[in-house]
Amino acid sequence: MLLINTEFQIENRHNGCLFEIYNLQLEMNIKGYFADVYNELVNKVSWPSWSELQSSATIVMIASVIIALGIFVMDFVFRHVMTFVYSMFY
């Protein structure tokens, strides 16, 4: 059974014996974590410009409409083919 004591040490209790496995070292606290996240988002991420964002959004919208039309056509054809096949048997 693994336990974490107040000195941040992981201990393994097996058959009444106490074995120290690892010493945990806290690299950063929550405030430091969010400071690093903010620093990465502001200084290291390459954000697209407004014109790049607009052109990418336009491409995505056009591709979505084309794919939706393709699915509509396939559904329409399949429905009519199946209606024809079923009408031959009934």
C-alpha atoms as a PDB file:
ATOM      1  CA  MET A   1       0.000   0.000   0.000  1.00  0.00           C
ATOM      2  CA  LEU A   2       1.467   3.373  -0.991  1.00  0.00           C
ATOM      3  CA  LEU A   3       1.152   6.277   1.409  1.00  0.00           C
ATOM      4  CA  ILE A   4       2.223   9.901   1.172  1.00  0.00           C
ATOM      5  CA  ASN A   5       3.372  11.360   4.480  1.00  0.00           C
ATOM      6  CA  THR A   6       3.600  15.016   5.504  1.00  0.00           C
ATOM      7  CA  GLU A   7       7.236  15.334   4.317  1.00  0.00           C
ATOM      8  CA  PHE A   8       6.122  14.481   0.773  1.00  0.00           C
ATOM      9  CA  GLN A   9       7.733  11.064   0.771  1.00  0.00           C
ATOM     10  CA  ILE A  10       6.073   8.077  -0.849  1.00  0.00           C
ATOM     11  CA  GLU A  11       6.344   5.049   1.372  1.00  0.00           C
ATOM     12  CA  ASN A  12       5.511   1.431   0.705  1.00  0.00           C
ATOM     13  CA  ARG A  13       4.060  -0.542   3.603  1.00  0.00           C
ATOM     14  CA  HIS A  14       4.408  -4.259   2.916  1.00  0.00           C
ATOM     15  CA  ASN A  15       4.186  -6.900   5.667  1.00  0.00           C
ATOM     16  CA  GLY A  16       4.684  -4.284   8.378  1.00  0.00           C
ATOM     17  CA  CYS A  17       7.946  -2.999   6.878  1.00  0.00           C
ATOM     18  CA  LEU A  18       8.475   0.597   5.849  1.00  0.00           C
ATOM     19  CA  PHE A  19      10.352   1.197   2.624  1.00  0.00           C
ATOM     20  CA  GLU A  20      11.056   4.695   1.326  1.00  0.00           C
ATOM     21  CA  ILE A  21      10.629   4.708  -2.462  1.00  0.00           C
ATOM     22  CA  TYR A  22      10.841   8.276  -3.685  1.00  0.00           C
ATOM     23  CA  ASN A  23      11.167  11.767  -2.296  1.00  0.00           C
ATOM     24  CA  LEU A  24       8.712  14.051  -4.020  1.00  0.00           C
ATOM     25  CA  GLN A  25       9.980  17.480  -4.910  1.00  0.00           C
ATOM     26  CA  LEU A  26       7.404  20.072  -5.748  1.00  0.00           C
ATOM     27  CA  GLU A  27       8.722  21.862  -8.836  1.00  0.00           C
ATOM     28  CA  MET A  28       6.138  24.585  -8.842  1.00  0.00           C
ATOM     29  CA  ASN A  29       3.033  25.647  -7.077  1.00  0.00           C
ATOM     30  CA  ILE A  30      -0.244  26.500  -8.763  1.00  0.00           C
ATOM     31  CA  LYS A  31       0.639  30.183  -9.113  1.00  0.00           C
ATOM     32  CA  GLY A  32       3.912  29.322 -10.827  1.00  0.00           C
ATOM     33  CA  TYR A  33       2.099  26.910 -13.131  1.00  0.00           C
ATOM     34  CA  PHE A  34      -0.350  29.563 -14.325  1.00  0.00           C
ATOM     35  CA  ALA A  35       2.485  32.086 -14.720  1.00  0.00           C
ATOM     36  CA  ASP A  36       4.288  29.619 -16.996  1.00  0.00           C
ATOM     37  CA  VAL A  37       1.106  28.935 -18.970  1.00  0.00           C
ATOM     38  CA  TYR A  38       0.532  32.678 -19.463  1.00  0.00           C
ATOM     39  CA  ASN A  39       4.148  33.195 -20.503  1.00  0.00           C
ATOM     40  CA  GLU A  40       3.925  30.419 -23.073  1.00  0.00           C
ATOM     41  CA  LEU A  41       0.625  31.669 -24.512  1.00  0.00           C
ATOM     42  CA  VAL A  42       1.866  35.264 -24.796  1.00  0.00           C
ATOM     43  CA  ASN A  43       5.500  34.809 -25.826  1.00  0.00           C
ATOM     44  CA  LYS A  44       5.921  31.383 -27.424  1.00  0.00           C
ATOM     45  CA  VAL A  45       2.688  30.663 -29.321  1.00  0.00           C
ATOM     46  CA  SER A  46       2.538  31.876 -32.902  1.00  0.00           C
ATOM     47  CA  TRP A  47      -0.967  33.285 -33.284  1.00  0.00           C
ATOM     48  CA  PRO A  48      -2.389  33.842 -36.795  1.00  0.00           C
ATOM     49  CA  SER A  49      -3.089  37.337 -38.035  1.00  0.00           C
ATOM     50  CA  TRP A  50      -6.674  38.522 -38.515  1.00  0.00           C
ATOM     51  CA  SER A  51      -6.492  38.062 -42.314  1.00  0.00           C
ATOM     52  CA  GLU A  52      -5.032  34.540 -41.942  1.00  0.00           C
ATOM     53  CA  LEU A  53      -7.802  33.684 -39.505  1.00  0.00           C
ATOM     54  CA  GLN A  54     -10.496  34.977 -41.884  1.00  0.00           C
ATOM     55  CA  SER A  55      -9.116  33.060 -44.853  1.00  0.00           C
ATOM     56  CA  SER A  56      -8.841  29.840 -42.821  1.00  0.00           C
ATOM     57  CA  ALA A  57     -12.416  30.249 -41.565  1.00  0.00           C
ATOM     58  CA  THR A  58     -13.650  30.813 -45.109  1.00  0.00           C
ATOM     59  CA  ILE A  59     -11.893  27.671 -46.341  1.00  0.00           C
ATOM     60  CA  VAL A  60     -13.402  25.628 -43.498  1.00  0.00           C
ATOM     61  CA  MET A  61     -16.919  26.947 -44.218  1.00  0.00           C
ATOM     62  CA  ILE A  62     -16.642  26.224 -47.950  1.00  0.00           C
ATOM     63  CA  ALA A  63     -15.283  22.720 -47.308  1.00  0.00           C
ATOM     64  CA  SER A  64     -18.115  22.055 -44.826  1.00  0.00           C
ATOM     65  CA  VAL A  65     -20.757  23.084 -47.378  1.00  0.00           C
ATOM     66  CA  ILE A  66     -19.170  20.915 -50.098  1.00  0.00           C
ATOM     67  CA  ILE A  67     -19.019  17.888 -47.799  1.00  0.00           C
ATOM     68  CA  ALA A  68     -22.628  18.463 -46.668  1.00  0.00           C
ATOM     69  CA  LEU A  69     -23.788  18.651 -50.300  1.00  0.00           C
ATOM     70  CA  GLY A  70     -21.893  15.452 -51.100  1.00  0.00           C
ATOM     71  CA  ILE A  71     -23.555  13.621 -48.235  1.00  0.00           C
ATOM     72  CA  PHE A  72     -26.957  14.989 -49.293  1.00  0.00           C
ATOM     73  CA  VAL A  73     -26.480  13.731 -52.863  1.00  0.00           C
ATOM     74  CA  MET A  74     -25.361  10.281 -51.677  1.00  0.00           C
ATOM     75  CA  ASP A  75     -28.350  10.052 -49.328  1.00  0.00           C
ATOM     76  CA  PHE A  76     -30.765  11.184 -52.042  1.00  0.00           C
ATOM     77  CA  VAL A  77     -29.419   8.645 -54.573  1.00  0.00           C
ATOM     78  CA  PHE A  78     -29.306   5.809 -52.028  1.00  0.00           C
ATOM     79  CA  ARG A  79     -32.879   6.508 -50.912  1.00  0.00           C
ATOM     80  CA  HIS A  80     -34.183   6.414 -54.497  1.00  0.00           C
ATOM     81  CA  VAL A  81     -32.188   3.291 -55.377  1.00  0.00           C
ATOM     82  CA  MET A  82     -33.487   1.471 -52.285  1.00  0.00           C
ATOM     83  CA  THR A  83     -37.052   2.617 -52.999  1.00  0.00           C
ATOM     84  CA  PHE A  84     -36.728   1.190 -56.516  1.00  0.00           C
ATOM     85  CA  VAL A  85     -35.290  -2.108 -55.225  1.00  0.00           C
ATOM     86  CA  TYR A  86     -38.023  -2.491 -52.572  1.00  0.00           C
ATOM     87  CA  SER A  87     -40.760  -1.654 -55.088  1.00  0.00           C
ATOM     88  CA  MET A  88     -39.599  -4.615 -57.232  1.00  0.00           C
ATOM     89  CA  PHE A  89     -40.384  -7.062 -54.402  1.00  0.00           C
ATOM     90  CA  TYR A  90     -43.631  -5.569 -53.023  1.00  0.00           C
END
